[in-house]
Amino acid sequence: MIGHTEATEKRILQGDLVKNAAMKVLIGPEAGWSDYVMRLLEVGIGGFTPKHQHPWPHINYVVDGTGSLLMGNETMVVTAGSYAYIPANTLHQFQNSGTTDFKFICIVPKEGHK
């Protein structure tokens, strides 16, 4: 399977806990990766993902931009090329702290994709 992010449907994330963020599902069970989902999250200037925790881990890779990652009680700067492993049940949130869109890959087990 080969795809391109520009040809992938974007879903705007909605809710009180998220601002100016969208997600594209790149690879998942529908494409033959039965146990995981690889997603591209795009966070606009001033935006953020929900601050939350859940019983599955995340694997993340920053593709573009500058942001911050709250993980547990520590906040770290992340830029293009940064990667992170967020263990299960760890409070986390990404924020765009830069002047351009902030984009990162997020891989979760299929039960973690909603």
N, C-alpha and C. Protein backbone atom coordinates (compact mmCIF):
# COMPACT_ATOMS: atom_id res chain seq x y z
N MET A 1 0.85 -1.18 0.00
CA MET A 1 0.00 0.00 0.00
C MET A 1 0.89 1.24 0.00
N ILE A 2 0.59 2.17 -0.86
CA ILE A 2 1.28 3.45 -0.91
C ILE A 2 0.22 4.53 -0.97
N GLY A 3 0.41 5.57 -0.21
CA GLY A 3 -0.53 6.68 -0.21
C GLY A 3 0.21 8.00 -0.09
N HIS A 4 -0.54 9.08 -0.05
CA HIS A 4 0.04 10.41 0.12
C HIS A 4 -0.87 11.21 1.05
N THR A 5 -0.26 11.96 1.95
CA THR A 5 -1.07 12.71 2.92
C THR A 5 -1.99 13.72 2.26
N GLU A 6 -1.58 14.30 1.14
CA GLU A 6 -2.42 15.29 0.47
C GLU A 6 -3.70 14.68 -0.09
N ALA A 7 -3.70 13.37 -0.33
CA ALA A 7 -4.88 12.70 -0.88
C ALA A 7 -5.70 12.01 0.20
N THR A 8 -5.36 12.23 1.47
CA THR A 8 -6.02 11.55 2.58
C THR A 8 -7.03 12.47 3.23
N GLU A 9 -8.22 11.93 3.52
CA GLU A 9 -9.29 12.72 4.13
C GLU A 9 -8.88 13.24 5.50
N LYS A 10 -9.21 14.50 5.75
CA LYS A 10 -8.91 15.16 7.02
C LYS A 10 -10.19 15.25 7.85
N ARG A 11 -10.08 14.87 9.13
CA ARG A 11 -11.22 15.00 10.05
C ARG A 11 -10.87 16.06 11.08
N ILE A 12 -11.69 17.11 11.15
CA ILE A 12 -11.49 18.17 12.14
C ILE A 12 -11.88 17.61 13.51
N LEU A 13 -11.00 17.77 14.49
CA LEU A 13 -11.30 17.30 15.84
C LEU A 13 -12.20 18.32 16.53
N GLN A 14 -13.25 17.83 17.16
CA GLN A 14 -14.27 18.68 17.77
C GLN A 14 -14.29 18.49 19.28
N GLY A 15 -14.71 19.50 20.01
CA GLY A 15 -14.92 19.37 21.44
C GLY A 15 -14.34 20.54 22.21
N ASP A 16 -14.70 20.60 23.49
CA ASP A 16 -14.25 21.69 24.36
C ASP A 16 -12.78 21.57 24.73
N LEU A 17 -12.20 20.37 24.61
CA LEU A 17 -10.83 20.12 25.07
C LEU A 17 -9.80 20.18 23.95
N VAL A 18 -10.23 20.55 22.74
CA VAL A 18 -9.34 20.58 21.58
C VAL A 18 -9.55 21.89 20.83
N LYS A 19 -8.48 22.40 20.22
CA LYS A 19 -8.59 23.65 19.47
C LYS A 19 -7.72 23.58 18.22
N ASN A 20 -8.32 23.89 17.08
CA ASN A 20 -7.61 24.05 15.81
C ASN A 20 -6.74 22.83 15.48
N ALA A 21 -7.35 21.64 15.53
CA ALA A 21 -6.61 20.40 15.27
C ALA A 21 -7.41 19.48 14.35
N ALA A 22 -6.68 18.72 13.54
CA ALA A 22 -7.30 17.78 12.61
C ALA A 22 -6.46 16.51 12.55
N MET A 23 -7.08 15.44 12.05
CA MET A 23 -6.41 14.15 11.97
C MET A 23 -6.67 13.50 10.62
N LYS A 24 -5.63 12.84 10.10
CA LYS A 24 -5.75 12.02 8.90
C LYS A 24 -5.29 10.61 9.26
N VAL A 25 -6.11 9.61 8.94
CA VAL A 25 -5.70 8.22 9.15
C VAL A 25 -4.90 7.79 7.93
N LEU A 26 -3.63 7.45 8.15
CA LEU A 26 -2.76 7.08 7.03
C LEU A 26 -2.78 5.57 6.78
N ILE A 27 -2.60 4.78 7.82
CA ILE A 27 -2.61 3.32 7.69
C ILE A 27 -3.30 2.74 8.91
N GLY A 28 -4.14 1.74 8.69
CA GLY A 28 -4.84 1.08 9.79
C GLY A 28 -5.36 -0.26 9.34
N PRO A 29 -6.30 -0.82 10.09
CA PRO A 29 -6.84 -2.13 9.75
C PRO A 29 -7.42 -2.21 8.33
N GLU A 30 -8.04 -1.11 7.86
CA GLU A 30 -8.62 -1.12 6.51
C GLU A 30 -7.56 -1.29 5.43
N ALA A 31 -6.31 -0.90 5.75
CA ALA A 31 -5.21 -1.00 4.78
C ALA A 31 -4.35 -2.23 5.03
N GLY A 32 -4.75 -3.07 5.99
CA GLY A 32 -4.02 -4.30 6.23
C GLY A 32 -3.15 -4.33 7.47
N TRP A 33 -3.03 -3.19 8.18
CA TRP A 33 -2.27 -3.19 9.44
C TRP A 33 -3.27 -3.48 10.54
N SER A 34 -3.44 -4.73 10.86
CA SER A 34 -4.58 -5.17 11.66
C SER A 34 -4.59 -4.71 13.10
N ASP A 35 -3.45 -4.43 13.70
CA ASP A 35 -3.42 -4.15 15.13
C ASP A 35 -3.16 -2.70 15.50
N TYR A 36 -2.76 -1.86 14.55
CA TYR A 36 -2.38 -0.48 14.86
C TYR A 36 -2.97 0.49 13.85
N VAL A 37 -2.94 1.77 14.23
CA VAL A 37 -3.38 2.84 13.35
C VAL A 37 -2.32 3.94 13.37
N MET A 38 -1.86 4.33 12.17
CA MET A 38 -0.92 5.44 12.05
C MET A 38 -1.69 6.65 11.55
N ARG A 39 -1.61 7.72 12.33
CA ARG A 39 -2.38 8.93 12.03
C ARG A 39 -1.44 10.12 11.90
N LEU A 40 -1.84 11.09 11.11
CA LEU A 40 -1.14 12.37 11.03
C LEU A 40 -2.03 13.40 11.69
N LEU A 41 -1.52 14.03 12.74
CA LEU A 41 -2.26 15.11 13.39
C LEU A 41 -1.68 16.44 12.96
N GLU A 42 -2.56 17.37 12.66
CA GLU A 42 -2.17 18.71 12.23
C GLU A 42 -2.79 19.70 13.21
N VAL A 43 -1.93 20.46 13.89
CA VAL A 43 -2.39 21.42 14.89
C VAL A 43 -2.01 22.81 14.40
N GLY A 44 -3.02 23.64 14.19
CA GLY A 44 -2.78 24.99 13.70
C GLY A 44 -2.20 25.90 14.77
N ILE A 45 -1.82 27.08 14.36
CA ILE A 45 -1.22 28.07 15.27
C ILE A 45 -2.17 28.31 16.45
N GLY A 46 -1.63 28.20 17.66
CA GLY A 46 -2.43 28.40 18.87
C GLY A 46 -3.30 27.22 19.26
N GLY A 47 -3.22 26.14 18.49
CA GLY A 47 -4.08 24.99 18.74
C GLY A 47 -3.47 23.98 19.70
N PHE A 48 -4.31 23.00 20.09
CA PHE A 48 -3.86 21.94 20.98
C PHE A 48 -4.76 20.72 20.86
N THR A 49 -4.21 19.59 21.24
CA THR A 49 -4.98 18.34 21.32
C THR A 49 -5.55 18.24 22.73
N PRO A 50 -6.51 17.34 22.96
CA PRO A 50 -7.06 17.21 24.31
C PRO A 50 -6.01 16.78 25.32
N LYS A 51 -6.12 17.29 26.54
CA LYS A 51 -5.29 16.81 27.65
C LYS A 51 -6.03 15.60 28.22
N HIS A 52 -5.41 14.42 28.09
CA HIS A 52 -6.12 13.20 28.47
C HIS A 52 -5.14 12.06 28.76
N GLN A 53 -5.68 10.96 29.20
CA GLN A 53 -4.90 9.73 29.39
C GLN A 53 -5.82 8.55 29.10
N HIS A 54 -5.22 7.41 28.80
CA HIS A 54 -5.98 6.22 28.44
C HIS A 54 -5.09 4.99 28.59
N PRO A 55 -5.67 3.79 28.51
CA PRO A 55 -4.90 2.56 28.81
C PRO A 55 -4.06 2.01 27.66
N TRP A 56 -3.71 2.82 26.67
CA TRP A 56 -2.83 2.35 25.60
C TRP A 56 -1.72 3.38 25.40
N PRO A 57 -0.59 2.94 24.86
CA PRO A 57 0.53 3.86 24.61
C PRO A 57 0.39 4.58 23.27
N HIS A 58 1.20 5.61 23.10
CA HIS A 58 1.34 6.34 21.83
C HIS A 58 2.80 6.28 21.41
N ILE A 59 3.03 6.23 20.12
CA ILE A 59 4.35 6.47 19.55
C ILE A 59 4.18 7.67 18.64
N ASN A 60 5.02 8.69 18.80
CA ASN A 60 4.87 9.93 18.05
C ASN A 60 6.17 10.33 17.37
N TYR A 61 6.03 10.96 16.20
CA TYR A 61 7.16 11.51 15.46
C TYR A 61 6.74 12.86 14.89
N VAL A 62 7.47 13.91 15.21
CA VAL A 62 7.13 15.26 14.73
C VAL A 62 7.65 15.44 13.31
N VAL A 63 6.74 15.79 12.42
CA VAL A 63 7.04 15.95 11.00
C VAL A 63 7.40 17.40 10.66
N ASP A 64 6.68 18.34 11.27
CA ASP A 64 6.87 19.74 10.89
C ASP A 64 6.44 20.64 12.04
N GLY A 65 7.10 21.78 12.16
CA GLY A 65 6.71 22.78 13.12
C GLY A 65 7.35 22.62 14.49
N THR A 66 6.87 23.46 15.41
CA THR A 66 7.35 23.48 16.79
C THR A 66 6.16 23.38 17.72
N GLY A 67 6.30 22.53 18.72
CA GLY A 67 5.22 22.37 19.68
C GLY A 67 5.75 22.06 21.05
N SER A 68 4.81 21.82 21.95
CA SER A 68 5.17 21.36 23.28
C SER A 68 4.37 20.10 23.57
N LEU A 69 4.99 19.22 24.33
CA LEU A 69 4.34 17.97 24.73
C LEU A 69 4.32 17.92 26.25
N LEU A 70 3.11 17.94 26.80
CA LEU A 70 2.91 17.68 28.22
C LEU A 70 2.85 16.17 28.37
N MET A 71 3.72 15.61 29.20
CA MET A 71 3.71 14.18 29.45
C MET A 71 3.89 14.00 30.95
N GLY A 72 2.84 13.51 31.60
CA GLY A 72 2.85 13.45 33.06
C GLY A 72 2.80 14.87 33.60
N ASN A 73 3.79 15.26 34.40
CA ASN A 73 3.83 16.63 34.92
C ASN A 73 4.98 17.44 34.34
N GLU A 74 5.51 16.99 33.20
CA GLU A 74 6.63 17.66 32.54
C GLU A 74 6.22 18.10 31.14
N THR A 75 6.60 19.33 30.77
CA THR A 75 6.35 19.85 29.43
C THR A 75 7.68 20.02 28.72
N MET A 76 7.76 19.47 27.50
CA MET A 76 8.99 19.51 26.71
C MET A 76 8.73 20.13 25.35
N VAL A 77 9.72 20.83 24.81
CA VAL A 77 9.63 21.37 23.45
C VAL A 77 9.93 20.24 22.48
N VAL A 78 9.12 20.16 21.41
CA VAL A 78 9.36 19.17 20.35
C VAL A 78 9.35 19.90 19.01
N THR A 79 10.25 19.49 18.12
CA THR A 79 10.38 20.10 16.80
C THR A 79 10.48 18.98 15.76
N ALA A 80 10.45 19.36 14.49
CA ALA A 80 10.58 18.37 13.41
C ALA A 80 11.78 17.48 13.68
N GLY A 81 11.55 16.17 13.66
CA GLY A 81 12.59 15.20 13.96
C GLY A 81 12.51 14.64 15.37
N SER A 82 11.78 15.30 16.26
CA SER A 82 11.60 14.77 17.62
C SER A 82 10.69 13.56 17.59
N TYR A 83 10.90 12.65 18.51
CA TYR A 83 10.00 11.50 18.67
C TYR A 83 9.75 11.27 20.14
N ALA A 84 8.64 10.60 20.44
CA ALA A 84 8.26 10.37 21.84
C ALA A 84 7.50 9.07 21.96
N TYR A 85 7.71 8.41 23.07
CA TYR A 85 6.89 7.26 23.47
C TYR A 85 6.12 7.70 24.71
N ILE A 86 4.80 7.65 24.63
CA ILE A 86 3.96 8.02 25.76
C ILE A 86 3.37 6.73 26.32
N PRO A 87 3.78 6.33 27.52
CA PRO A 87 3.29 5.07 28.09
C PRO A 87 1.78 5.12 28.36
N ALA A 88 1.18 3.97 28.45
CA ALA A 88 -0.24 3.85 28.81
C ALA A 88 -0.50 4.57 30.13
N ASN A 89 -1.68 5.13 30.25
CA ASN A 89 -2.16 5.78 31.48
C ASN A 89 -1.34 7.02 31.87
N THR A 90 -0.67 7.64 30.91
CA THR A 90 0.11 8.85 31.17
C THR A 90 -0.65 10.06 30.63
N LEU A 91 -0.88 11.05 31.48
CA LEU A 91 -1.52 12.29 31.04
C LEU A 91 -0.64 12.94 29.97
N HIS A 92 -1.27 13.39 28.86
CA HIS A 92 -0.49 14.00 27.78
C HIS A 92 -1.33 14.97 26.97
N GLN A 93 -0.63 15.89 26.31
CA GLN A 93 -1.26 16.88 25.43
C GLN A 93 -0.19 17.50 24.55
N PHE A 94 -0.50 17.69 23.28
CA PHE A 94 0.36 18.42 22.35
C PHE A 94 -0.22 19.81 22.14
N GLN A 95 0.66 20.82 22.06
CA GLN A 95 0.25 22.19 21.74
C GLN A 95 1.16 22.74 20.66
N ASN A 96 0.60 23.55 19.78
CA ASN A 96 1.40 24.25 18.79
C ASN A 96 1.94 25.51 19.45
N SER A 97 3.24 25.58 19.63
CA SER A 97 3.86 26.76 20.24
C SER A 97 4.66 27.56 19.21
N GLY A 98 4.49 27.23 17.94
CA GLY A 98 5.25 27.89 16.88
C GLY A 98 4.43 28.87 16.08
N THR A 99 4.99 29.26 14.94
CA THR A 99 4.36 30.25 14.05
C THR A 99 3.88 29.63 12.74
N THR A 100 3.95 28.30 12.64
CA THR A 100 3.44 27.56 11.48
C THR A 100 2.67 26.35 12.00
N ASP A 101 2.03 25.63 11.10
CA ASP A 101 1.33 24.42 11.51
C ASP A 101 2.30 23.43 12.14
N PHE A 102 1.81 22.71 13.13
CA PHE A 102 2.57 21.69 13.85
C PHE A 102 1.98 20.34 13.45
N LYS A 103 2.81 19.45 12.89
CA LYS A 103 2.31 18.16 12.39
C LYS A 103 3.12 17.03 12.99
N PHE A 104 2.41 15.98 13.42
CA PHE A 104 3.11 14.83 13.98
C PHE A 104 2.36 13.54 13.67
N ILE A 105 3.14 12.48 13.55
CA ILE A 105 2.61 11.13 13.37
C ILE A 105 2.29 10.58 14.75
N CYS A 106 1.19 9.90 14.86
CA CYS A 106 0.77 9.26 16.11
C CYS A 106 0.36 7.83 15.78
N ILE A 107 1.03 6.86 16.38
CA ILE A 107 0.69 5.45 16.18
C ILE A 107 0.12 4.92 17.48
N VAL A 108 -1.08 4.33 17.39
CA VAL A 108 -1.75 3.75 18.55
C VAL A 108 -2.28 2.37 18.20
N PRO A 109 -2.52 1.51 19.21
CA PRO A 109 -3.22 0.26 18.93
C PRO A 109 -4.61 0.58 18.38
N LYS A 110 -5.19 -0.34 17.64
CA LYS A 110 -6.48 -0.04 16.99
C LYS A 110 -7.55 0.37 18.00
N GLU A 111 -7.51 -0.16 19.24
CA GLU A 111 -8.51 0.24 20.22
C GLU A 111 -8.33 1.70 20.66
N GLY A 112 -7.18 2.29 20.37
CA GLY A 112 -6.93 3.68 20.72
C GLY A 112 -7.37 4.67 19.67
N HIS A 113 -7.80 4.20 18.52
CA HIS A 113 -8.23 5.11 17.45
C HIS A 113 -9.73 5.31 17.52
N LYS A 114 -10.12 6.57 17.59
CA LYS A 114 -11.55 6.90 17.65
C LYS A 114 -11.89 7.88 16.56
